[in-house]
């Protein structure tokens, strides 16, 4: 379960870090500018964040497994379509949809962990998930760079598609439903969204949120710019 959930949680970083070395080459292939290619990261992040807001509450009322399988199916399709996109407009739309689909694995991996563990056991399991999850940003660009050498940028997205197929099989065959009927929320999506909205009046929560948000903003500014700086200016 640690491997399966860690693999699911890592899909967000993999969607971004795996194709970073290909950004300058993709800008040429899709006849777009550097800033337009960087927008593909923004669109994917928007999909990843918005999808979690909806998929999480849906799983609270309908169980974890079915929403997860549906999101993985959509992730497989959108990843394949990203690999055959013909222009930057198509690619940006598909990246947003890929983020929406991939958000299921990100949020439901954590939800399943919360179903299975409590207290210090949950803390230890989350630490294990973060350990697996942190490997994706380290190895993702290295793997993506090697794929670029061997074939082309489209095969990076075909690899993501294959990862989605593997995840679907792992969840379908080996992951039980962890949220029984008696623990499911009856209020529906609207009730969950209302309770989420209350968090914005919690000053302590908002302080943590803003700190993390600004840290990640600087981090992703580096992520989006570094391939162009390293390859176009330093010739790496």
C-alpha atoms as a PDB file:
ATOM      1  CA  UNK A   1       0.000   0.000   0.000  1.00  0.00           C
ATOM      2  CA  UNK A   2       2.892   2.373   0.721  1.00  0.00           C
ATOM      3  CA  UNK A   3       4.235   1.843  -2.796  1.00  0.00           C
ATOM      4  CA  UNK A   4       0.813   2.162  -4.462  1.00  0.00           C
ATOM      5  CA  UNK A   5      -0.191   5.303  -2.553  1.00  0.00           C
ATOM      6  CA  UNK A   6       3.271   6.832  -2.911  1.00  0.00           C
ATOM      7  CA  UNK A   7       3.129   6.175  -6.666  1.00  0.00           C
ATOM      8  CA  UNK A   8      -0.286   7.857  -6.838  1.00  0.00           C
ATOM      9  CA  UNK A   9       0.811  10.872  -4.785  1.00  0.00           C
ATOM     10  CA  UNK A  10       3.904  11.296  -6.990  1.00  0.00           C
ATOM     11  CA  UNK A  11       1.882  11.816 -10.174  1.00  0.00           C
ATOM     12  CA  UNK A  12       1.584  15.560  -9.559  1.00  0.00           C
ATOM     13  CA  UNK A  13       5.372  16.114  -9.433  1.00  0.00           C
ATOM     14  CA  UNK A  14       5.950  13.629 -12.275  1.00  0.00           C
ATOM     15  CA  UNK A  15       3.516  15.494 -14.565  1.00  0.00           C
ATOM     16  CA  UNK A  16       5.662  18.592 -14.139  1.00  0.00           C
ATOM     17  CA  UNK A  17       9.244  17.443 -13.586  1.00  0.00           C
ATOM     18  CA  UNK A  18       9.402  14.674 -16.172  1.00  0.00           C
ATOM     19  CA  UNK A  19       9.022  16.995 -19.176  1.00  0.00           C
ATOM     20  CA  UNK A  20      11.079  19.960 -17.918  1.00  0.00           C
ATOM     21  CA  UNK A  21      14.176  19.112 -20.040  1.00  0.00           C
ATOM     22  CA  UNK A  22      11.954  19.056 -23.138  1.00  0.00           C
ATOM     23  CA  UNK A  23      10.485  22.562 -22.721  1.00  0.00           C
ATOM     24  CA  UNK A  24      12.907  24.439 -25.044  1.00  0.00           C
ATOM     25  CA  UNK A  25      12.660  21.750 -27.735  1.00  0.00           C
ATOM     26  CA  UNK A  26       8.863  21.642 -27.427  1.00  0.00           C
ATOM     27  CA  UNK A  27       8.691  25.436 -27.863  1.00  0.00           C
ATOM     28  CA  UNK A  28      10.389  24.984 -31.250  1.00  0.00           C
ATOM     29  CA  UNK A  29       8.321  21.946 -32.259  1.00  0.00           C
ATOM     30  CA  UNK A  30       4.977  23.530 -31.332  1.00  0.00           C
ATOM     31  CA  UNK A  31       6.033  26.931 -32.730  1.00  0.00           C
ATOM     32  CA  UNK A  32       5.465  28.744 -29.456  1.00  0.00           C
ATOM     33  CA  UNK A  33       7.394  31.082 -27.174  1.00  0.00           C
ATOM     34  CA  UNK A  34       9.150  30.222 -23.921  1.00  0.00           C
ATOM     35  CA  UNK A  35       6.417  31.942 -21.897  1.00  0.00           C
ATOM     36  CA  UNK A  36       3.703  29.957 -23.666  1.00  0.00           C
ATOM     37  CA  UNK A  37       5.494  26.696 -22.855  1.00  0.00           C
ATOM     38  CA  UNK A  38       5.844  27.807 -19.236  1.00  0.00           C
ATOM     39  CA  UNK A  39       2.075  28.343 -19.207  1.00  0.00           C
ATOM     40  CA  UNK A  40       1.722  24.574 -19.660  1.00  0.00           C
ATOM     41  CA  UNK A  41       3.081  24.192 -16.111  1.00  0.00           C
ATOM     42  CA  UNK A  42       0.592  26.793 -14.849  1.00  0.00           C
ATOM     43  CA  UNK A  43      -2.344  25.106 -16.587  1.00  0.00           C
ATOM     44  CA  UNK A  44      -1.367  21.709 -15.180  1.00  0.00           C
ATOM     45  CA  UNK A  45      -1.070  23.116 -11.646  1.00  0.00           C
ATOM     46  CA  UNK A  46      -4.480  24.776 -11.972  1.00  0.00           C
ATOM     47  CA  UNK A  47      -5.979  21.424 -12.964  1.00  0.00           C
ATOM     48  CA  UNK A  48      -4.200  19.620 -10.121  1.00  0.00           C
ATOM     49  CA  UNK A  49      -5.442  22.118  -7.530  1.00  0.00           C
ATOM     50  CA  UNK A  50      -9.033  22.530  -8.751  1.00  0.00           C
ATOM     51  CA  UNK A  51      -9.495  18.789  -9.229  1.00  0.00           C
ATOM     52  CA  UNK A  52      -8.625  18.067  -5.607  1.00  0.00           C
ATOM     53  CA  UNK A  53     -11.294  20.504  -4.409  1.00  0.00           C
ATOM     54  CA  UNK A  54     -13.992  18.450  -6.149  1.00  0.00           C
ATOM     55  CA  UNK A  55     -12.658  14.872  -6.226  1.00  0.00           C
ATOM     56  CA  UNK A  56     -11.914  14.813  -2.488  1.00  0.00           C
ATOM     57  CA  UNK A  57     -15.494  15.642  -1.401  1.00  0.00           C
ATOM     58  CA  UNK A  58     -16.964  13.343  -4.080  1.00  0.00           C
ATOM     59  CA  UNK A  59     -14.927  10.462  -2.653  1.00  0.00           C
ATOM     60  CA  UNK A  60     -16.158  11.301   0.866  1.00  0.00           C
ATOM     61  CA  UNK A  61     -19.697  10.450  -0.245  1.00  0.00           C
ATOM     62  CA  UNK A  62     -19.091   7.800  -2.934  1.00  0.00           C
ATOM     63  CA  UNK A  63     -16.038   5.931  -1.636  1.00  0.00           C
ATOM     64  CA  UNK A  64     -12.417   6.117  -2.729  1.00  0.00           C
ATOM     65  CA  UNK A  65     -11.967   3.378  -5.304  1.00  0.00           C
ATOM     66  CA  UNK A  66     -14.463   4.300  -8.036  1.00  0.00           C
ATOM     67  CA  UNK A  67     -13.505   8.027  -8.250  1.00  0.00           C
ATOM     68  CA  UNK A  68      -9.844   6.988  -8.256  1.00  0.00           C
ATOM     69  CA  UNK A  69     -10.316   4.526 -11.118  1.00  0.00           C
ATOM     70  CA  UNK A  70     -12.280   7.101 -13.138  1.00  0.00           C
ATOM     71  CA  UNK A  71      -9.618   9.771 -12.621  1.00  0.00           C
ATOM     72  CA  UNK A  72      -6.847   7.325 -13.604  1.00  0.00           C
ATOM     73  CA  UNK A  73      -8.733   6.399 -16.785  1.00  0.00           C
ATOM     74  CA  UNK A  74      -8.998  10.085 -17.725  1.00  0.00           C
ATOM     75  CA  UNK A  75      -5.320  10.577 -16.858  1.00  0.00           C
ATOM     76  CA  UNK A  76      -4.315   7.772 -19.241  1.00  0.00           C
ATOM     77  CA  UNK A  77      -6.342   9.317 -22.087  1.00  0.00           C
ATOM     78  CA  UNK A  78      -5.173  12.911 -21.560  1.00  0.00           C
ATOM     79  CA  UNK A  79      -1.510  11.881 -21.191  1.00  0.00           C
ATOM     80  CA  UNK A  80      -1.663  10.067 -24.534  1.00  0.00           C
ATOM     81  CA  UNK A  81      -3.359  13.045 -26.194  1.00  0.00           C
ATOM     82  CA  UNK A  82      -0.680  15.400 -24.815  1.00  0.00           C
ATOM     83  CA  UNK A  83       1.894  13.309 -26.674  1.00  0.00           C
ATOM     84  CA  UNK A  84       0.141  13.831 -30.019  1.00  0.00           C
ATOM     85  CA  UNK A  85      -0.819  17.510 -29.591  1.00  0.00           C
ATOM     86  CA  UNK A  86      -0.275  19.510 -32.784  1.00  0.00           C
ATOM     87  CA  UNK A  87      -0.091  23.075 -31.475  1.00  0.00           C
ATOM     88  CA  UNK A  88       0.331  25.022 -28.255  1.00  0.00           C
ATOM     89  CA  UNK A  89      -3.411  25.708 -27.865  1.00  0.00           C
ATOM     90  CA  UNK A  90      -4.243  21.998 -27.891  1.00  0.00           C
ATOM     91  CA  UNK A  91      -1.348  21.268 -25.568  1.00  0.00           C
ATOM     92  CA  UNK A  92      -2.379  23.850 -22.958  1.00  0.00           C
ATOM     93  CA  UNK A  93      -5.974  22.590 -22.860  1.00  0.00           C
ATOM     94  CA  UNK A  94      -4.813  18.988 -22.560  1.00  0.00           C
ATOM     95  CA  UNK A  95      -2.354  19.876 -19.795  1.00  0.00           C
ATOM     96  CA  UNK A  96      -5.191  21.421 -17.787  1.00  0.00           C
ATOM     97  CA  UNK A  97      -7.321  18.296 -18.278  1.00  0.00           C
ATOM     98  CA  UNK A  98      -4.354  16.082 -17.430  1.00  0.00           C
ATOM     99  CA  UNK A  99      -3.944  18.010 -14.169  1.00  0.00           C
ATOM    100  CA  UNK A 100      -7.639  17.606 -13.350  1.00  0.00           C
ATOM    101  CA  UNK A 101      -7.393  13.855 -13.917  1.00  0.00           C
ATOM    102  CA  UNK A 102      -4.088  13.476 -12.089  1.00  0.00           C
ATOM    103  CA  UNK A 103      -5.423  15.285  -9.025  1.00  0.00           C
ATOM    104  CA  UNK A 104      -7.439  12.172  -8.153  1.00  0.00           C
ATOM    105  CA  UNK A 105      -4.304  10.203  -7.351  1.00  0.00           C
ATOM    106  CA  UNK A 106      -2.778  13.093  -5.399  1.00  0.00           C
ATOM    107  CA  UNK A 107      -5.732  13.748  -3.081  1.00  0.00           C
ATOM    108  CA  UNK A 108      -7.093  10.204  -2.767  1.00  0.00           C
ATOM    109  CA  UNK A 109      -3.712   8.719  -1.841  1.00  0.00           C
ATOM    110  CA  UNK A 110      -3.811  10.921   1.259  1.00  0.00           C
ATOM    111  CA  UNK A 111      -7.502  10.257   1.879  1.00  0.00           C
ATOM    112  CA  UNK A 112      -6.937   6.482   1.777  1.00  0.00           C
ATOM    113  CA  UNK A 113      -4.050   6.853   4.224  1.00  0.00           C
ATOM    114  CA  UNK A 114      -6.361   8.777   6.583  1.00  0.00           C
ATOM    115  CA  UNK A 115      -8.937   5.973   6.273  1.00  0.00           C
ATOM    116  CA  UNK A 116      -6.371   3.328   7.196  1.00  0.00           C
ATOM    117  CA  UNK A 117      -4.358   4.968   9.987  1.00  0.00           C
ATOM    118  CA  UNK A 118      -4.772   7.224  13.013  1.00  0.00           C
ATOM    119  CA  UNK A 119      -2.448   9.182  15.311  1.00  0.00           C
ATOM    120  CA  UNK A 120       1.268   8.434  15.205  1.00  0.00           C
ATOM    121  CA  UNK A 121       0.715   5.587  12.728  1.00  0.00           C
ATOM    122  CA  UNK A 122      -0.764   8.098  10.271  1.00  0.00           C
ATOM    123  CA  UNK A 123       2.164  10.478  10.852  1.00  0.00           C
ATOM    124  CA  UNK A 124       4.671   7.719  10.149  1.00  0.00           C
ATOM    125  CA  UNK A 125       2.806   6.623   7.026  1.00  0.00           C
ATOM    126  CA  UNK A 126       2.629  10.204   5.721  1.00  0.00           C
ATOM    127  CA  UNK A 127       6.388  10.489   6.268  1.00  0.00           C
ATOM    128  CA  UNK A 128       6.836   7.352   4.177  1.00  0.00           C
ATOM    129  CA  UNK A 129       4.567   8.785   1.455  1.00  0.00           C
ATOM    130  CA  UNK A 130       6.584  12.015   1.414  1.00  0.00           C
ATOM    131  CA  UNK A 131       9.818  10.020   1.092  1.00  0.00           C
ATOM    132  CA  UNK A 132       8.478   8.212  -1.984  1.00  0.00           C
ATOM    133  CA  UNK A 133       6.900  11.408  -3.295  1.00  0.00           C
ATOM    134  CA  UNK A 134      10.142  13.398  -3.010  1.00  0.00           C
ATOM    135  CA  UNK A 135      11.921  10.986  -5.352  1.00  0.00           C
ATOM    136  CA  UNK A 136       9.801  12.178  -8.303  1.00  0.00           C
ATOM    137  CA  UNK A 137      11.286  15.722  -8.565  1.00  0.00           C
ATOM    138  CA  UNK A 138      14.795  14.260  -8.213  1.00  0.00           C
ATOM    139  CA  UNK A 139      14.618  11.522 -10.823  1.00  0.00           C
ATOM    140  CA  UNK A 140      11.899  13.012 -13.088  1.00  0.00           C
ATOM    141  CA  UNK A 141      14.090  15.502 -15.021  1.00  0.00           C
ATOM    142  CA  UNK A 142      16.893  12.920 -15.340  1.00  0.00           C
ATOM    143  CA  UNK A 143      14.539  10.329 -16.830  1.00  0.00           C
ATOM    144  CA  UNK A 144      12.892  12.946 -19.062  1.00  0.00           C
ATOM    145  CA  UNK A 145      16.283  14.105 -20.342  1.00  0.00           C
ATOM    146  CA  UNK A 146      17.286  10.554 -21.243  1.00  0.00           C
ATOM    147  CA  UNK A 147      14.005   9.999 -23.099  1.00  0.00           C
ATOM    148  CA  UNK A 148      14.721  13.177 -25.081  1.00  0.00           C
ATOM    149  CA  UNK A 149      18.109  11.761 -26.097  1.00  0.00           C
ATOM    150  CA  UNK A 150      16.653   8.407 -27.152  1.00  0.00           C
ATOM    151  CA  UNK A 151      13.438   9.444 -28.904  1.00  0.00           C
ATOM    152  CA  UNK A 152      11.485  12.683 -28.473  1.00  0.00           C
ATOM    153  CA  UNK A 153       9.274  14.713 -26.152  1.00  0.00           C
ATOM    154  CA  UNK A 154       6.082  12.847 -27.101  1.00  0.00           C
ATOM    155  CA  UNK A 155       7.440   9.662 -25.506  1.00  0.00           C
ATOM    156  CA  UNK A 156       7.639  11.452 -22.140  1.00  0.00           C
ATOM    157  CA  UNK A 157       3.851  11.712 -22.176  1.00  0.00           C
ATOM    158  CA  UNK A 158       3.517   8.145 -23.438  1.00  0.00           C
ATOM    159  CA  UNK A 159       5.549   7.128 -20.363  1.00  0.00           C
ATOM    160  CA  UNK A 160       3.082   9.039 -18.157  1.00  0.00           C
ATOM    161  CA  UNK A 161       0.300   7.195 -19.963  1.00  0.00           C
ATOM    162  CA  UNK A 162       1.999   3.868 -19.162  1.00  0.00           C
ATOM    163  CA  UNK A 163       2.377   4.938 -15.512  1.00  0.00           C
ATOM    164  CA  UNK A 164      -1.362   5.620 -15.450  1.00  0.00           C
ATOM    165  CA  UNK A 165      -2.100   2.136 -16.815  1.00  0.00           C
ATOM    166  CA  UNK A 166       0.142   0.577 -14.149  1.00  0.00           C
ATOM    167  CA  UNK A 167      -1.578   2.585 -11.419  1.00  0.00           C
ATOM    168  CA  UNK A 168      -5.031   1.621 -12.675  1.00  0.00           C
ATOM    169  CA  UNK A 169      -4.117  -2.086 -12.525  1.00  0.00           C
ATOM    170  CA  UNK A 170      -2.528  -1.749  -9.076  1.00  0.00           C
ATOM    171  CA  UNK A 171      -5.613   0.022  -7.670  1.00  0.00           C
ATOM    172  CA  UNK A 172      -8.130  -2.237  -9.436  1.00  0.00           C
ATOM    173  CA  UNK A 173      -6.456  -5.480  -8.404  1.00  0.00           C
ATOM    174  CA  UNK A 174      -4.782  -4.665  -5.116  1.00  0.00           C
ATOM    175  CA  UNK A 175      -6.408  -1.677  -3.409  1.00  0.00           C
ATOM    176  CA  UNK A 176      -9.579  -2.362  -1.396  1.00  0.00           C
ATOM    177  CA  UNK A 177     -12.296   0.201  -0.710  1.00  0.00           C
ATOM    178  CA  UNK A 178     -11.153   1.926   2.491  1.00  0.00           C
ATOM    179  CA  UNK A 179     -14.224   4.078   3.219  1.00  0.00           C
ATOM    180  CA  UNK A 180     -17.178   1.900   4.300  1.00  0.00           C
ATOM    181  CA  UNK A 181     -20.768   3.042   3.805  1.00  0.00           C
ATOM    182  CA  UNK A 182     -21.297   3.921   7.472  1.00  0.00           C
ATOM    183  CA  UNK A 183     -18.418   6.451   7.384  1.00  0.00           C
ATOM    184  CA  UNK A 184     -19.386   8.258   4.184  1.00  0.00           C
ATOM    185  CA  UNK A 185     -20.536  11.897   4.229  1.00  0.00           C
ATOM    186  CA  UNK A 186     -24.188  12.431   3.294  1.00  0.00           C
ATOM    187  CA  UNK A 187     -24.143  16.191   2.752  1.00  0.00           C
ATOM    188  CA  UNK A 188     -22.722  15.977  -0.762  1.00  0.00           C
ATOM    189  CA  UNK A 189     -20.321  18.225  -2.606  1.00  0.00           C
ATOM    190  CA  UNK A 190     -22.095  21.481  -1.688  1.00  0.00           C
ATOM    191  CA  UNK A 191     -21.800  20.780   2.046  1.00  0.00           C
ATOM    192  CA  UNK A 192     -18.096  19.936   1.715  1.00  0.00           C
ATOM    193  CA  UNK A 193     -17.422  23.131  -0.232  1.00  0.00           C
ATOM    194  CA  UNK A 194     -19.221  25.188   2.433  1.00  0.00           C
ATOM    195  CA  UNK A 195     -17.027  23.666   5.139  1.00  0.00           C
ATOM    196  CA  UNK A 196     -13.918  24.364   3.027  1.00  0.00           C
ATOM    197  CA  UNK A 197     -14.978  28.003   2.672  1.00  0.00           C
ATOM    198  CA  UNK A 198     -14.996  28.355   6.478  1.00  0.00           C
ATOM    199  CA  UNK A 199     -11.249  27.733   6.490  1.00  0.00           C
ATOM    200  CA  UNK A 200     -10.668  31.115   4.853  1.00  0.00           C
ATOM    201  CA  UNK A 201     -11.852  32.836   8.043  1.00  0.00           C
ATOM    202  CA  UNK A 202      -9.296  30.886  10.116  1.00  0.00           C
ATOM    203  CA  UNK A 203      -6.361  33.288  10.478  1.00  0.00           C
ATOM    204  CA  UNK A 204      -3.846  30.666  11.599  1.00  0.00           C
ATOM    205  CA  UNK A 205      -4.747  28.426   8.657  1.00  0.00           C
ATOM    206  CA  UNK A 206      -4.471  31.333   6.206  1.00  0.00           C
ATOM    207  CA  UNK A 207      -1.057  32.268   7.595  1.00  0.00           C
ATOM    208  CA  UNK A 208       0.299  28.760   6.954  1.00  0.00           C
ATOM    209  CA  UNK A 209      -1.387  28.729   3.548  1.00  0.00           C
ATOM    210  CA  UNK A 210       0.163  32.023   2.432  1.00  0.00           C
ATOM    211  CA  UNK A 211       3.648  31.076   3.635  1.00  0.00           C
ATOM    212  CA  UNK A 212       3.563  27.789   1.753  1.00  0.00           C
ATOM    213  CA  UNK A 213       2.014  29.467  -1.295  1.00  0.00           C
ATOM    214  CA  UNK A 214       4.774  32.102  -1.576  1.00  0.00           C
ATOM    215  CA  UNK A 215       7.498  29.480  -1.041  1.00  0.00           C
ATOM    216  CA  UNK A 216       6.070  27.317  -3.841  1.00  0.00           C
ATOM    217  CA  UNK A 217       5.629  30.360  -6.101  1.00  0.00           C
ATOM    218  CA  UNK A 218       9.360  31.086  -5.933  1.00  0.00           C
ATOM    219  CA  UNK A 219      10.160  27.405  -6.392  1.00  0.00           C
ATOM    220  CA  UNK A 220       8.033  27.088  -9.519  1.00  0.00           C
ATOM    221  CA  UNK A 221       9.437  30.330 -10.906  1.00  0.00           C
ATOM    222  CA  UNK A 222      12.809  28.567 -10.841  1.00  0.00           C
ATOM    223  CA  UNK A 223      11.373  25.338 -12.256  1.00  0.00           C
ATOM    224  CA  UNK A 224       9.738  27.060 -15.233  1.00  0.00           C
ATOM    225  CA  UNK A 225      12.761  29.205 -16.127  1.00  0.00           C
ATOM    226  CA  UNK A 226      15.690  26.857 -15.469  1.00  0.00           C
ATOM    227  CA  UNK A 227      15.408  24.650 -18.620  1.00  0.00           C
ATOM    228  CA  UNK A 228      15.603  27.713 -20.880  1.00  0.00           C
ATOM    229  CA  UNK A 229      18.424  29.339 -18.887  1.00  0.00           C
ATOM    230  CA  UNK A 230      20.502  26.153 -18.645  1.00  0.00           C
ATOM    231  CA  UNK A 231      19.994  25.073 -22.251  1.00  0.00           C
ATOM    232  CA  UNK A 232      19.727  28.331 -24.200  1.00  0.00           C
ATOM    233  CA  UNK A 233      22.229  30.456 -22.247  1.00  0.00           C
ATOM    234  CA  UNK A 234      24.673  27.915 -20.777  1.00  0.00           C
ATOM    235  CA  UNK A 235      24.360  25.379 -23.569  1.00  0.00           C
ATOM    236  CA  UNK A 236      23.733  22.339 -21.355  1.00  0.00           C
END
